[in-house]
N, C-alpha and C. Protein backbone atom coordinates (compact mmCIF):
# COMPACT_ATOMS: atom_id res chain seq x y z
N UNK A 1 -71.17 22.61 72.35
CA UNK A 1 -70.04 22.70 72.08
C UNK A 1 -69.76 24.25 71.33
N UNK A 2 -68.87 25.02 71.84
CA UNK A 2 -68.29 25.85 71.00
C UNK A 2 -67.27 25.76 70.02
N UNK A 3 -67.15 26.89 69.37
CA UNK A 3 -66.13 26.55 67.98
C UNK A 3 -64.67 26.45 68.64
N UNK A 4 -64.49 26.94 69.68
CA UNK A 4 -63.24 26.84 70.12
C UNK A 4 -62.97 25.56 70.55
N UNK A 5 -64.08 24.89 71.12
CA UNK A 5 -63.82 23.37 71.76
C UNK A 5 -63.88 22.49 70.44
N UNK A 6 -64.49 22.94 69.61
CA UNK A 6 -64.52 21.68 68.45
C UNK A 6 -63.24 21.71 67.61
N UNK A 7 -62.45 22.54 67.75
CA UNK A 7 -61.09 22.95 67.38
C UNK A 7 -60.28 21.93 68.19
N UNK A 8 -59.76 21.11 67.73
CA UNK A 8 -58.92 20.16 68.63
C UNK A 8 -57.76 20.62 68.00
N UNK A 9 -56.48 20.52 68.96
CA UNK A 9 -55.31 20.54 68.43
C UNK A 9 -54.82 19.80 67.37
N UNK A 10 -54.56 20.26 66.35
CA UNK A 10 -53.83 19.25 65.23
C UNK A 10 -52.66 19.80 64.78
N UNK A 11 -51.94 18.93 64.32
CA UNK A 11 -50.62 18.90 63.74
C UNK A 11 -50.56 19.66 62.55
N UNK A 12 -49.73 20.62 62.39
CA UNK A 12 -49.77 21.42 61.00
C UNK A 12 -49.23 20.61 59.58
N UNK A 13 -49.99 20.65 58.66
CA UNK A 13 -49.45 19.59 57.59
C UNK A 13 -49.20 20.64 56.42
N UNK A 14 -48.13 20.30 55.82
CA UNK A 14 -47.98 20.71 54.43
C UNK A 14 -48.83 20.18 53.47
N UNK A 15 -48.50 20.84 52.23
CA UNK A 15 -49.52 20.65 51.36
C UNK A 15 -49.44 19.29 50.79
N UNK A 16 -48.31 18.48 50.94
CA UNK A 16 -48.27 17.07 50.50
C UNK A 16 -48.85 16.53 51.41
N UNK A 17 -49.34 16.55 52.63
CA UNK A 17 -50.05 15.80 53.63
C UNK A 17 -49.44 15.39 54.67
N UNK A 18 -47.87 15.26 54.39
CA UNK A 18 -47.18 14.97 55.66
C UNK A 18 -46.85 16.00 56.85
N UNK A 19 -47.01 15.44 57.84
CA UNK A 19 -47.05 16.06 59.29
C UNK A 19 -45.79 16.98 59.25
N UNK A 20 -45.82 18.06 59.54
CA UNK A 20 -44.80 18.98 59.93
C UNK A 20 -44.44 18.93 61.31
N UNK A 21 -43.28 18.80 61.79
CA UNK A 21 -43.14 18.92 63.14
C UNK A 21 -42.48 20.29 63.43
N UNK A 22 -42.60 21.08 64.44
CA UNK A 22 -41.88 21.95 64.68
C UNK A 22 -40.78 21.69 65.66
N UNK A 23 -40.70 20.43 66.03
CA UNK A 23 -39.72 20.15 66.98
C UNK A 23 -38.21 20.06 66.24
N UNK A 24 -37.03 20.23 66.92
CA UNK A 24 -35.79 20.28 66.37
C UNK A 24 -35.45 18.83 66.15
N UNK A 25 -34.60 18.56 64.98
CA UNK A 25 -34.37 17.24 64.33
C UNK A 25 -33.66 16.64 65.33
N UNK A 26 -33.85 15.40 65.28
CA UNK A 26 -32.97 14.55 66.29
C UNK A 26 -31.39 14.36 65.72
N UNK A 27 -30.73 13.90 66.71
CA UNK A 27 -29.23 13.93 66.38
C UNK A 27 -29.22 12.77 65.12
N UNK A 28 -29.89 11.75 65.00
CA UNK A 28 -29.79 10.72 63.90
C UNK A 28 -30.14 11.25 62.52
N UNK A 29 -31.29 12.17 62.58
CA UNK A 29 -31.58 12.89 61.33
C UNK A 29 -30.63 13.66 60.99
N UNK A 30 -29.89 14.47 62.04
CA UNK A 30 -28.88 15.52 61.59
C UNK A 30 -27.78 14.79 61.04
N UNK A 31 -27.38 13.62 61.35
CA UNK A 31 -26.03 12.87 61.05
C UNK A 31 -26.37 12.49 59.62
N UNK A 32 -27.58 12.11 59.24
CA UNK A 32 -28.12 11.68 57.92
C UNK A 32 -28.14 12.58 56.80
N UNK A 33 -28.76 13.75 57.27
CA UNK A 33 -28.67 15.06 56.57
C UNK A 33 -27.20 15.28 56.27
N UNK A 34 -26.13 15.31 57.31
CA UNK A 34 -24.91 15.77 57.07
C UNK A 34 -24.21 14.73 56.24
N UNK A 35 -24.73 13.31 56.22
CA UNK A 35 -23.83 12.46 55.52
C UNK A 35 -24.34 12.68 53.94
N UNK A 36 -25.85 13.03 53.94
CA UNK A 36 -26.42 13.31 52.38
C UNK A 36 -25.78 14.60 51.74
N UNK A 37 -25.51 15.55 52.58
CA UNK A 37 -24.89 16.94 52.12
C UNK A 37 -23.44 16.58 51.79
N UNK A 38 -22.75 15.62 52.47
CA UNK A 38 -21.48 15.42 52.16
C UNK A 38 -21.29 14.51 50.84
N UNK A 39 -22.18 13.66 50.71
CA UNK A 39 -22.07 12.80 49.54
C UNK A 39 -22.56 13.88 48.19
N UNK A 40 -23.56 14.91 48.39
CA UNK A 40 -23.65 15.57 47.59
C UNK A 40 -22.54 16.58 47.27
N UNK A 41 -21.72 17.00 48.28
CA UNK A 41 -20.41 17.75 48.15
C UNK A 41 -19.65 16.92 47.28
N UNK A 42 -19.44 15.72 47.52
CA UNK A 42 -18.41 15.02 46.98
C UNK A 42 -18.81 14.73 45.19
N UNK A 43 -20.11 14.55 45.10
CA UNK A 43 -20.78 14.39 43.77
C UNK A 43 -20.45 15.59 43.09
N UNK A 44 -20.78 16.61 43.67
CA UNK A 44 -20.52 17.99 42.99
C UNK A 44 -19.09 18.25 42.62
N UNK A 45 -18.02 17.88 43.39
CA UNK A 45 -16.61 18.12 43.25
C UNK A 45 -16.30 17.02 42.21
N UNK A 46 -16.74 16.13 42.21
CA UNK A 46 -16.48 15.07 41.16
C UNK A 46 -16.82 15.38 39.64
N UNK A 47 -18.05 15.98 39.91
CA UNK A 47 -18.61 16.61 38.43
C UNK A 47 -17.92 17.77 37.94
N UNK A 48 -17.35 18.35 39.18
CA UNK A 48 -16.82 19.61 38.69
C UNK A 48 -15.25 19.42 38.11
N UNK A 49 -14.79 18.22 38.71
CA UNK A 49 -13.26 17.49 38.40
C UNK A 49 -13.73 16.98 36.72
N UNK A 50 -14.77 16.45 36.84
CA UNK A 50 -15.07 15.73 35.16
C UNK A 50 -15.02 17.08 34.28
N UNK A 51 -15.71 17.79 34.75
CA UNK A 51 -16.10 18.88 33.73
C UNK A 51 -14.88 19.83 33.53
N UNK A 52 -13.94 19.92 34.46
CA UNK A 52 -12.72 20.68 34.23
C UNK A 52 -11.80 19.92 33.30
N UNK A 53 -11.99 18.39 33.72
CA UNK A 53 -10.73 17.48 32.57
C UNK A 53 -11.55 17.58 31.35
N UNK A 54 -12.76 17.82 31.16
CA UNK A 54 -13.48 17.64 29.72
C UNK A 54 -13.29 19.06 29.05
N UNK A 55 -13.18 20.29 29.86
CA UNK A 55 -12.72 21.60 29.32
C UNK A 55 -11.29 21.39 28.84
N UNK A 56 -10.25 20.62 29.74
CA UNK A 56 -9.01 20.59 29.27
C UNK A 56 -9.07 19.79 28.08
N UNK A 57 -9.40 18.96 27.82
CA UNK A 57 -9.39 17.92 26.68
C UNK A 57 -10.00 18.61 25.30
N UNK A 58 -10.95 19.23 25.61
CA UNK A 58 -11.58 20.17 24.75
C UNK A 58 -10.58 21.28 24.18
N UNK A 59 -9.65 21.85 25.12
CA UNK A 59 -8.82 22.93 24.75
C UNK A 59 -7.80 22.00 23.83
N UNK A 60 -7.47 20.94 24.61
CA UNK A 60 -6.42 20.07 23.72
C UNK A 60 -6.86 19.74 22.19
N UNK A 61 -8.08 19.30 22.08
CA UNK A 61 -8.41 19.07 20.85
C UNK A 61 -8.67 20.00 19.90
N UNK A 62 -9.21 21.10 20.42
CA UNK A 62 -9.13 22.59 19.63
C UNK A 62 -7.76 22.95 19.22
N UNK A 63 -6.81 22.74 20.35
CA UNK A 63 -5.45 23.09 19.64
C UNK A 63 -4.71 22.20 18.39
N UNK A 64 -5.45 20.71 18.72
CA UNK A 64 -4.88 20.01 17.38
C UNK A 64 -5.73 20.05 16.31
N UNK A 65 -7.10 20.35 16.40
CA UNK A 65 -7.74 20.69 15.31
C UNK A 65 -7.25 21.79 14.28
N UNK A 66 -6.62 23.21 15.25
CA UNK A 66 -6.02 24.18 14.60
C UNK A 66 -4.84 23.81 13.86
N UNK A 67 -3.97 22.91 14.53
CA UNK A 67 -2.65 22.37 13.84
C UNK A 67 -2.93 21.44 12.77
N UNK A 68 -4.28 20.83 12.61
CA UNK A 68 -4.50 19.92 11.61
C UNK A 68 -4.87 21.02 10.52
N UNK A 69 -5.74 21.86 10.67
CA UNK A 69 -6.21 22.89 9.89
C UNK A 69 -5.18 23.59 9.08
N UNK A 70 -3.88 24.05 9.81
CA UNK A 70 -2.77 24.61 9.42
C UNK A 70 -2.06 23.70 8.62
N UNK A 71 -1.96 22.01 9.05
CA UNK A 71 -0.94 21.33 8.31
C UNK A 71 -1.81 21.12 6.85
N UNK A 72 -3.44 21.11 6.85
CA UNK A 72 -3.82 20.71 5.73
C UNK A 72 -4.02 22.02 4.75
N UNK A 73 -3.82 23.17 5.32
CA UNK A 73 -3.59 24.19 4.17
C UNK A 73 -2.08 24.07 3.61
N UNK A 74 -1.30 24.10 4.30
CA UNK A 74 0.09 23.72 3.87
C UNK A 74 -0.03 22.36 2.78
N UNK A 75 -0.40 21.30 3.24
CA UNK A 75 -0.45 20.25 2.40
C UNK A 75 -1.37 20.45 0.87
N UNK A 76 -2.39 21.28 1.00
CA UNK A 76 -3.21 21.94 -0.02
C UNK A 76 -2.25 22.54 -1.07
N UNK A 77 -1.54 23.44 -0.21
CA UNK A 77 -0.67 24.36 -1.24
C UNK A 77 0.28 23.21 -1.82
N UNK A 78 1.11 22.54 -1.02
CA UNK A 78 2.07 21.68 -1.61
C UNK A 78 1.38 20.82 -3.01
N UNK A 79 0.23 20.29 -2.55
CA UNK A 79 -0.46 19.56 -3.76
C UNK A 79 -0.60 20.45 -4.88
N UNK A 80 -0.90 21.84 -4.91
CA UNK A 80 -1.25 22.61 -6.03
C UNK A 80 0.26 22.82 -6.30
N UNK A 81 1.07 22.88 -5.82
CA UNK A 81 2.55 23.14 -6.32
C UNK A 81 2.83 22.28 -7.16
N UNK A 82 2.64 20.68 -6.51
CA UNK A 82 2.86 19.52 -7.15
C UNK A 82 1.99 19.25 -8.38
N UNK A 83 0.88 19.78 -8.50
CA UNK A 83 0.07 19.69 -9.75
C UNK A 83 0.70 20.50 -10.80
N UNK A 84 0.94 21.54 -10.36
CA UNK A 84 1.55 22.75 -11.43
C UNK A 84 3.00 22.28 -11.98
N UNK A 85 3.73 21.67 -10.87
CA UNK A 85 4.94 21.03 -11.46
C UNK A 85 4.90 19.91 -12.50
N UNK A 86 3.96 18.97 -12.04
CA UNK A 86 3.51 17.62 -12.93
C UNK A 86 2.91 18.21 -14.38
N UNK A 87 2.17 19.23 -14.20
CA UNK A 87 1.61 19.86 -15.54
C UNK A 87 2.90 20.36 -16.52
N UNK A 88 3.91 20.93 -15.89
CA UNK A 88 4.96 21.40 -16.63
C UNK A 88 5.72 20.42 -17.18
N UNK A 89 6.07 19.50 -16.26
CA UNK A 89 6.76 18.09 -16.76
C UNK A 89 6.12 17.53 -17.97
N UNK A 90 4.88 17.17 -17.60
CA UNK A 90 4.06 16.54 -18.96
C UNK A 90 4.29 17.23 -20.18
N UNK A 91 4.13 18.71 -19.87
CA UNK A 91 4.51 19.27 -21.18
C UNK A 91 5.81 19.60 -21.83
N UNK A 92 6.66 19.60 -21.02
CA UNK A 92 7.90 19.47 -21.45
C UNK A 92 8.37 17.97 -21.89
N UNK A 93 7.79 16.94 -21.55
CA UNK A 93 8.01 15.75 -22.20
C UNK A 93 7.35 15.36 -23.30
N UNK A 94 6.27 16.28 -23.66
CA UNK A 94 5.42 16.05 -24.69
C UNK A 94 6.11 16.62 -26.01
N UNK A 95 6.68 17.95 -25.72
CA UNK A 95 7.84 18.45 -26.48
C UNK A 95 8.81 17.91 -26.81
N UNK A 96 9.60 17.08 -25.88
CA UNK A 96 10.69 16.40 -26.11
C UNK A 96 10.39 15.04 -27.10
N UNK A 97 9.24 14.55 -26.64
CA UNK A 97 8.74 13.31 -27.65
C UNK A 97 8.62 13.74 -28.94
N UNK A 98 8.18 15.05 -29.60
CA UNK A 98 7.68 15.61 -30.39
C UNK A 98 9.16 15.75 -31.10
N UNK A 99 9.91 16.19 -30.72
CA UNK A 99 11.23 16.66 -31.04
C UNK A 99 11.96 15.30 -31.52
N UNK A 100 12.07 14.54 -30.63
CA UNK A 100 12.63 13.19 -30.90
C UNK A 100 12.11 12.40 -32.09
N UNK A 101 10.83 12.91 -32.18
CA UNK A 101 10.22 11.84 -33.47
C UNK A 101 9.79 12.86 -34.59
N UNK A 102 10.78 13.20 -35.20
CA UNK A 102 10.63 14.29 -36.37
C UNK A 102 9.74 13.75 -37.66
N UNK A 103 9.74 12.41 -37.73
CA UNK A 103 9.12 11.70 -38.92
C UNK A 103 7.39 11.57 -38.53
N UNK A 104 6.95 11.94 -37.44
CA UNK A 104 5.78 11.76 -37.04
C UNK A 104 5.43 13.34 -36.95
N UNK A 105 4.18 13.56 -37.49
CA UNK A 105 3.40 14.69 -37.35
C UNK A 105 3.13 15.11 -36.02
N UNK A 106 3.36 16.53 -35.47
CA UNK A 106 3.42 16.70 -34.17
C UNK A 106 2.04 16.78 -33.83
N UNK A 107 1.26 16.99 -34.50
CA UNK A 107 -0.23 17.16 -33.91
C UNK A 107 -0.76 15.54 -33.75
N UNK A 108 -0.07 14.57 -34.00
CA UNK A 108 -0.62 13.23 -34.00
C UNK A 108 -0.54 12.77 -32.56
N UNK A 109 0.87 13.38 -32.04
CA UNK A 109 1.12 12.94 -30.60
C UNK A 109 0.47 13.75 -29.53
N UNK A 110 -0.10 13.27 -28.59
CA UNK A 110 -0.93 14.27 -27.68
C UNK A 110 -1.15 13.30 -26.47
N UNK A 111 -1.53 14.14 -25.42
CA UNK A 111 -2.02 13.68 -24.07
C UNK A 111 -1.70 14.52 -23.11
N UNK A 112 -2.35 14.19 -21.98
CA UNK A 112 -2.27 15.06 -20.62
C UNK A 112 -1.39 14.34 -19.58
N UNK A 113 -1.01 13.13 -19.79
CA UNK A 113 0.08 12.65 -18.67
C UNK A 113 1.01 11.62 -19.67
N UNK A 114 1.85 11.26 -18.88
CA UNK A 114 3.03 10.51 -19.71
C UNK A 114 2.44 9.51 -20.23
N UNK A 115 1.70 8.96 -19.63
CA UNK A 115 1.11 7.44 -20.07
C UNK A 115 0.37 7.60 -21.41
N UNK A 116 -0.46 8.68 -21.31
CA UNK A 116 -1.33 9.06 -22.83
C UNK A 116 -0.41 9.40 -23.73
N UNK A 117 0.72 10.23 -23.25
CA UNK A 117 1.63 10.45 -24.52
C UNK A 117 2.55 9.47 -25.06
N UNK A 118 3.02 8.40 -24.25
CA UNK A 118 3.57 7.07 -24.76
C UNK A 118 2.34 6.40 -25.64
N UNK A 119 1.52 6.07 -25.33
CA UNK A 119 0.26 5.55 -25.82
C UNK A 119 0.03 6.28 -27.47
N UNK A 120 0.13 7.47 -27.39
CA UNK A 120 -0.28 8.27 -28.52
C UNK A 120 1.01 7.86 -29.31
N UNK A 121 2.34 8.10 -29.06
CA UNK A 121 3.35 7.72 -29.61
C UNK A 121 3.39 6.48 -30.24
N UNK A 122 3.22 5.64 -29.48
CA UNK A 122 2.99 4.03 -29.99
C UNK A 122 2.20 3.80 -31.12
N UNK A 123 0.82 4.78 -30.92
CA UNK A 123 -0.08 4.65 -32.07
C UNK A 123 0.38 5.40 -33.18
N UNK A 124 0.98 6.32 -33.01
CA UNK A 124 1.49 7.14 -34.15
C UNK A 124 2.79 6.41 -35.22
N UNK A 125 3.49 5.85 -33.92
CA UNK A 125 4.50 4.97 -34.76
C UNK A 125 4.30 3.83 -35.61
N UNK A 126 3.27 3.50 -35.21
CA UNK A 126 2.48 1.97 -35.68
C UNK A 126 1.76 2.52 -37.08
N UNK A 127 1.51 3.68 -37.16
CA UNK A 127 0.83 4.23 -38.23
C UNK A 127 1.85 4.57 -39.05
N UNK A 128 2.79 5.11 -38.73
CA UNK A 128 3.65 5.80 -39.58
C UNK A 128 4.52 4.73 -40.26
N UNK A 129 4.90 3.47 -39.53
CA UNK A 129 5.51 2.23 -40.00
C UNK A 129 4.75 1.73 -41.14
N UNK A 130 3.05 1.57 -41.03
CA UNK A 130 2.45 1.12 -41.96
C UNK A 130 2.55 1.77 -43.23
N UNK A 131 2.49 3.33 -42.95
CA UNK A 131 2.56 4.01 -43.97
C UNK A 131 3.85 3.93 -44.98
N UNK A 132 4.83 3.96 -44.12
CA UNK A 132 6.06 3.79 -44.91
C UNK A 132 6.37 2.32 -45.56
N UNK A 133 5.83 1.39 -44.96
CA UNK A 133 5.88 -0.19 -45.48
C UNK A 133 5.04 0.05 -46.92
N UNK A 134 4.00 0.77 -46.86
CA UNK A 134 2.92 0.63 -48.07
C UNK A 134 3.36 1.51 -49.22
N UNK A 135 4.33 2.69 -48.97
CA UNK A 135 5.01 3.62 -49.78
C UNK A 135 6.11 2.93 -50.17
N UNK A 136 6.99 2.13 -49.61
CA UNK A 136 8.13 1.15 -50.25
C UNK A 136 7.47 0.26 -51.14
N UNK A 137 6.42 -0.31 -50.60
CA UNK A 137 5.92 -1.40 -51.56
C UNK A 137 5.30 -0.89 -52.78
N UNK A 138 4.88 0.35 -52.99
CA UNK A 138 4.45 1.10 -54.05
C UNK A 138 5.94 1.48 -55.12
N UNK A 139 6.77 1.84 -54.42
CA UNK A 139 7.93 2.30 -54.94
C UNK A 139 8.60 1.25 -55.89
N UNK A 140 8.55 -0.17 -55.25
CA UNK A 140 9.20 -1.36 -55.56
C UNK A 140 8.34 -1.63 -56.90
N UNK A 141 7.13 -1.52 -56.60
CA UNK A 141 6.21 -2.10 -57.89
C UNK A 141 6.63 -1.30 -59.30
N UNK A 142 6.80 0.02 -58.97
CA UNK A 142 6.67 1.00 -60.08
C UNK A 142 8.43 1.09 -60.45
N UNK A 143 9.46 0.38 -59.83
CA UNK A 143 10.64 0.65 -59.87
C UNK A 143 11.11 0.37 -61.33
N UNK A 144 11.80 1.45 -62.14
CA UNK A 144 12.72 1.42 -63.36
C UNK A 144 14.06 1.07 -63.23
N UNK A 145 14.58 0.51 -63.93
CA UNK A 145 16.07 0.03 -63.77
C UNK A 145 16.74 1.21 -64.24
N UNK A 146 18.01 1.38 -63.61
CA UNK A 146 18.91 2.55 -64.18
C UNK A 146 19.76 1.84 -65.34
N UNK A 147 19.92 3.06 -66.25
CA UNK A 147 20.95 2.91 -67.25
C UNK A 147 20.02 1.91 -68.44
N UNK A 148 21.03 1.60 -69.21
CA UNK A 148 20.23 0.82 -70.64
C UNK A 148 19.64 -0.26 -70.04
N UNK A 149 18.64 -0.87 -70.88
CA UNK A 149 18.01 -2.29 -70.59
C UNK A 149 19.17 -3.29 -70.93
N UNK A 150 19.31 -4.43 -70.49
CA UNK A 150 20.18 -5.54 -70.75
C UNK A 150 19.90 -5.88 -72.03
N UNK A 151 21.06 -6.41 -72.74
CA UNK A 151 21.05 -6.64 -74.05
C UNK A 151 20.39 -8.08 -74.27
N UNK A 152 19.72 -8.09 -75.26
CA UNK A 152 18.99 -9.63 -75.41
C UNK A 152 19.13 -9.87 -76.90
N UNK A 153 19.06 -11.04 -77.41
CA UNK A 153 19.12 -11.52 -78.59
C UNK A 153 18.07 -10.87 -79.43
N UNK A 154 18.53 -10.64 -80.79
CA UNK A 154 17.61 -10.18 -81.95
C UNK A 154 16.47 -11.21 -82.26
N UNK A 155 14.90 -11.12 -82.07
CA UNK A 155 14.07 -11.80 -82.74
C UNK A 155 14.14 -11.81 -84.20
N UNK A 156 14.44 -13.06 -84.50
CA UNK A 156 14.60 -12.89 -86.03
C UNK A 156 13.30 -13.45 -87.00
N UNK A 157 12.58 -13.80 -85.93
CA UNK A 157 10.94 -14.60 -86.45
C UNK A 157 10.30 -13.40 -87.22
N UNK A 158 9.89 -13.66 -88.28
CA UNK A 158 9.09 -12.63 -88.89
C UNK A 158 9.93 -11.79 -90.11
N UNK A 159 11.26 -12.02 -90.08
CA UNK A 159 12.31 -11.24 -90.93
C UNK A 159 12.39 -11.83 -92.23
N UNK A 160 12.61 -10.90 -93.36
CA UNK A 160 13.00 -11.51 -94.47
C UNK A 160 14.35 -11.99 -94.41
N UNK A 161 14.87 -12.99 -95.35
CA UNK A 161 16.06 -13.44 -95.50
C UNK A 161 17.22 -12.27 -95.71
N UNK A 162 16.52 -11.32 -96.24
CA UNK A 162 17.77 -10.21 -96.75
C UNK A 162 17.79 -9.54 -95.27
N UNK A 163 16.87 -9.52 -94.17
CA UNK A 163 16.77 -8.31 -92.87
C UNK A 163 17.86 -9.45 -92.03
N UNK A 164 17.32 -10.59 -92.31
CA UNK A 164 18.32 -11.51 -91.49
C UNK A 164 19.82 -11.39 -91.39
N UNK A 165 20.05 -11.38 -92.75
CA UNK A 165 21.51 -10.92 -93.12
C UNK A 165 21.95 -9.67 -92.78
N UNK A 166 21.08 -8.65 -93.05
CA UNK A 166 21.70 -7.28 -92.25
C UNK A 166 21.83 -7.52 -90.91
N UNK A 167 21.02 -8.15 -90.10
CA UNK A 167 21.10 -8.21 -88.87
C UNK A 167 22.10 -9.02 -88.18
N UNK A 168 22.54 -9.82 -88.98
CA UNK A 168 23.79 -10.91 -88.58
C UNK A 168 25.01 -10.01 -89.02
N UNK A 169 25.16 -8.92 -89.94
CA UNK A 169 26.49 -8.17 -90.28
C UNK A 169 26.19 -7.03 -89.32
N UNK A 170 25.44 -6.77 -88.64
CA UNK A 170 25.42 -5.54 -87.79
C UNK A 170 25.99 -6.06 -86.36
N UNK A 171 25.53 -7.27 -86.11
CA UNK A 171 25.80 -7.73 -84.82
C UNK A 171 27.38 -8.16 -84.88
N UNK A 172 28.02 -8.32 -85.92
CA UNK A 172 29.42 -8.57 -85.87
C UNK A 172 30.37 -7.38 -86.12
N UNK A 173 29.38 -6.09 -86.17
CA UNK A 173 30.34 -5.13 -85.92
C UNK A 173 30.48 -4.65 -87.81
N UNK A 174 29.82 -5.07 -88.47
CA UNK A 174 29.76 -4.69 -89.97
C UNK A 174 28.73 -3.52 -90.23
N UNK A 175 28.67 -2.90 -91.19
CA UNK A 175 27.59 -2.20 -91.72
C UNK A 175 26.89 -2.83 -92.77
N UNK A 176 25.57 -2.45 -92.39
CA UNK A 176 24.80 -3.21 -93.87
C UNK A 176 24.37 -2.08 -94.58
N UNK A 177 24.17 -2.57 -96.19
CA UNK A 177 23.64 -1.54 -96.91
C UNK A 177 22.22 -2.04 -97.21
N UNK A 178 21.49 -1.55 -96.98
CA UNK A 178 20.23 -1.87 -97.73
C UNK A 178 19.27 -0.89 -98.66
């Protein structure tokens, strides 16, 4: 047998081992390929539509994010202004409280909020009241009556008879000669 005879006609095989045919696809194969292609086109169109919808949604969200950032910046500015106004109001309130309570030393009343100032004033008022009560009590103990002391009878004990007679005459308005 010659080499040519040994070669039998073989079908061409692709690297995967499946036989390739050079023959034209059948009508059924063409219909299956067309159906598959149509499904792929529909899937691609659906994916593109979903992607376009997502892009639209992303654009909307980015717009809202920009608006939120602007609102945040505006609110942040307003908060800063409110903090400054609050600080100014607390400072004016502190001065008004100090002015309204001249009997309390100004450096005793302090605070960085209205509540702290009110608490400080309450403590200072309590302390001032206690000091005032203490000073009044001390003043009553050391009180000296105004004017001459009240008249009392003369104590005659230990006087001689002659001194007793002189004291009696003096009480009656007379003069004694001793």
